[in-house]
Amino acid sequence: MAKHLVLVGGGHAHLTALMRLRDTVRAGHRVTLIGPSPYHYYSGMGPGLLSGIYRPAEARFNVKKMAQDRGATFLQDRVVLVDPVRRTLALDSGAEVGYDAVSFNTGSGVPLDLLHSSGDNIFPVKPIENLLAARKKIREADPGKRIRVVVVGGGSAAV
C-alpha cells in the first residue's frame, strides 16, 4: 500500500532525502515537500552573503526543483499546526495535508515577537536570506553617515 511521506522544510537533513527521492517514488509512495520558499540558503555561507563574497545563487539550493525533478510535490507554505492523531498538517494558507510519515527540518528562527519595538533596522540572521536585506540597507546608507551595527549572539555567523 502506497504511503505519503511529507518533508517539512528543505534544510540540510532533508537534502540527502531529496537527492534520493526517486527511489521512494519508484517504490510507489507519494512525497510532498512543504517550505516557505523554493530555495534553501546554506547557513554556513551567510557571512559571505552579507559581505558580498557570495551571490544569492551561489549560496542556495533550489529545493522546489530538486523535489519536482524527482517526482515529489512542492507546496510553498508553512505548517502552523500538527495533528498527530489525525495525521494531518494545517498550513498557513488554510489547506490541510495528510501524511503517513512526516519529517521536520525547518531550521531555527529568531523570536521577533519578544522585541519591544520593531522596525526596518532589525535583521535576524534566520532565515539566512535576511542577510541580503541587511546588506542592501548598509549599502544604501549615506556614505558620509556613520553606521552603528549591533550584533547579538556569538555564533560563527556573528564572528
Protein backbone atom coordinates (compact mmCIF):
# COMPACT_ATOMS: atom_id res chain seq x y z
CA MET A 1 0.00 0.00 0.00
CA ALA A 2 1.42 3.40 -1.03
CA LYS A 3 2.31 5.78 1.77
CA HIS A 4 2.61 9.57 1.85
CA LEU A 5 5.89 10.99 3.13
CA VAL A 6 5.85 14.71 3.93
CA LEU A 7 9.08 16.64 4.38
CA VAL A 8 8.56 19.95 6.16
CA GLY A 9 11.41 22.30 5.30
CA GLY A 10 14.21 21.86 2.83
CA GLY A 11 17.09 22.11 5.29
CA HIS A 12 20.35 20.18 5.49
CA ALA A 13 18.85 17.00 6.89
CA HIS A 14 16.37 16.81 4.02
CA LEU A 15 18.86 17.49 1.23
CA THR A 16 20.09 13.89 1.21
CA ALA A 17 16.49 12.65 1.28
CA LEU A 18 15.67 14.94 -1.64
CA MET A 19 18.60 13.55 -3.63
CA ARG A 20 17.27 10.01 -3.16
CA LEU A 21 13.55 10.69 -3.69
CA ARG A 22 13.40 8.78 -6.95
CA ASP A 23 13.83 5.52 -5.01
CA THR A 24 10.87 6.36 -2.76
CA VAL A 25 8.66 7.47 -5.65
CA ARG A 26 9.61 4.41 -7.75
CA ALA A 27 8.50 2.24 -4.82
CA GLY A 28 5.03 3.76 -5.31
CA HIS A 29 4.99 6.26 -2.47
CA ARG A 30 3.94 9.91 -2.63
CA VAL A 31 6.31 12.57 -1.35
CA THR A 32 5.49 16.20 -0.59
CA LEU A 33 7.95 18.90 0.40
CA ILE A 34 6.46 21.90 2.23
CA GLY A 35 8.57 25.02 2.61
CA PRO A 36 8.26 28.79 2.83
CA SER A 37 10.45 29.31 -0.23
CA PRO A 38 11.58 27.35 -3.29
CA TYR A 39 15.12 27.91 -2.01
CA HIS A 40 17.12 26.78 0.99
CA TYR A 41 20.05 29.03 1.80
CA TYR A 42 23.15 27.36 3.22
CA SER A 43 23.72 28.97 6.61
CA GLY A 44 27.48 28.47 6.52
CA MET A 45 27.64 30.91 3.63
CA GLY A 46 25.58 33.58 5.42
CA PRO A 47 28.54 35.77 6.38
CA GLY A 48 29.74 35.58 2.77
CA LEU A 49 26.31 36.72 1.58
CA LEU A 50 26.44 39.67 3.95
CA SER A 51 29.94 40.65 2.87
CA GLY A 52 29.21 40.21 -0.83
CA ILE A 53 31.69 37.37 -1.35
CA TYR A 54 28.80 35.16 -2.49
CA ARG A 55 25.86 36.00 -4.69
CA PRO A 56 22.48 34.59 -3.60
CA ALA A 57 22.50 31.96 -6.36
CA GLU A 58 25.81 30.63 -5.03
CA ALA A 59 24.52 30.11 -1.50
CA ARG A 60 21.21 28.40 -2.09
CA PHE A 61 19.67 25.14 -3.25
CA ASN A 62 16.51 25.10 -5.35
CA VAL A 63 14.67 22.56 -3.21
CA LYS A 64 11.46 23.00 -5.19
CA LYS A 65 13.22 21.91 -8.39
CA MET A 66 15.07 19.13 -6.58
CA ALA A 67 11.77 17.74 -5.29
CA GLN A 68 9.80 18.11 -8.53
CA ASP A 69 12.60 16.69 -10.70
CA ARG A 70 12.50 13.55 -8.58
CA GLY A 71 8.72 13.08 -8.64
CA ALA A 72 7.66 14.87 -5.46
CA THR A 73 5.17 17.69 -4.99
CA PHE A 74 6.33 21.05 -3.63
CA LEU A 75 4.00 23.27 -1.62
CA GLN A 76 5.17 26.79 -0.85
CA ASP A 77 3.54 27.24 2.53
CA ARG A 78 4.15 26.96 6.28
CA VAL A 79 2.93 24.32 8.70
CA VAL A 80 1.10 26.01 11.58
CA LEU A 81 -0.38 23.01 13.38
CA VAL A 82 0.31 19.30 13.61
CA ASP A 83 -2.46 16.88 14.49
CA PRO A 84 -0.70 13.57 15.18
CA VAL A 85 -3.95 11.77 15.97
CA ARG A 86 -5.47 12.54 12.56
CA ARG A 87 -2.01 12.60 10.90
CA THR A 88 -2.63 15.97 9.32
CA LEU A 89 -0.72 19.20 8.95
CA ALA A 90 -2.61 22.50 8.92
CA LEU A 91 -0.98 25.05 6.63
CA ASP A 92 -0.83 28.83 6.86
CA SER A 93 -2.86 29.00 3.63
CA GLY A 94 -5.72 27.14 5.28
CA ALA A 95 -5.03 23.91 3.42
CA GLU A 96 -4.57 20.61 5.20
CA VAL A 97 -2.14 17.85 4.23
CA GLY A 98 -2.43 14.27 5.41
CA TYR A 99 0.63 12.11 5.99
CA ASP A 100 1.73 8.59 6.85
CA ALA A 101 5.20 9.76 7.85
CA VAL A 102 6.43 13.32 8.38
CA SER A 103 9.88 14.77 8.96
CA PHE A 104 10.63 18.30 10.14
CA ASN A 105 13.75 20.21 9.13
CA THR A 106 12.59 23.79 9.35
CA GLY A 107 15.68 25.40 10.82
CA SER A 108 15.74 27.93 13.57
CA GLY A 109 14.14 31.32 13.80
CA VAL A 110 14.53 34.49 15.80
CA PRO A 111 11.51 35.26 18.01
CA LEU A 112 10.91 38.83 16.89
CA ASP A 113 7.71 38.97 18.92
CA LEU A 114 9.94 39.32 22.01
CA LEU A 115 11.25 42.69 20.86
CA HIS A 116 9.86 45.82 22.50
CA SER A 117 9.93 47.62 19.17
CA SER A 118 10.25 46.68 15.57
CA GLY A 119 11.44 48.45 12.52
CA ASP A 120 13.27 48.24 9.28
CA ASN A 121 16.66 48.23 11.01
CA ILE A 122 16.42 44.79 12.61
CA PHE A 123 17.72 41.88 10.56
CA PRO A 124 17.53 38.46 12.18
CA VAL A 125 20.08 36.05 10.77
CA LYS A 126 17.49 33.30 10.40
CA PRO A 127 16.36 32.73 7.77
CA ILE A 128 19.75 33.39 6.18
CA GLU A 129 18.29 35.29 3.23
CA ASN A 130 17.53 38.11 5.70
CA LEU A 131 21.21 38.97 5.42
CA LEU A 132 20.56 40.12 1.85
CA ALA A 133 18.21 42.81 3.18
CA ALA A 134 20.80 43.81 5.80
CA ARG A 135 23.48 44.12 3.11
CA LYS A 136 21.18 46.24 0.96
CA LYS A 137 20.36 48.54 3.89
CA ILE A 138 24.07 49.02 4.70
CA ARG A 139 24.99 49.68 1.08
CA GLU A 140 22.18 52.21 0.65
CA ALA A 141 23.23 54.20 3.71
CA ASP A 142 24.54 57.74 3.24
CA PRO A 143 28.30 57.37 2.59
CA GLY A 144 29.09 60.28 4.91
CA LYS A 145 26.95 58.95 7.73
CA ARG A 146 28.39 56.78 10.47
CA ILE A 147 26.68 53.39 10.71
CA ARG A 148 26.28 51.69 14.06
CA VAL A 149 25.85 47.94 13.95
CA VAL A 150 24.98 45.78 16.92
CA VAL A 151 25.46 42.01 16.67
CA VAL A 152 23.53 39.92 19.18
CA GLY A 153 24.87 36.39 19.55
CA GLY A 154 28.23 34.75 19.37
CA GLY A 155 27.82 32.02 16.79
CA SER A 156 30.06 31.61 13.78
CA ALA A 157 27.90 33.96 11.69
CA ALA A 158 28.27 36.68 14.34
CA VAL A 159 32.03 36.35 14.36
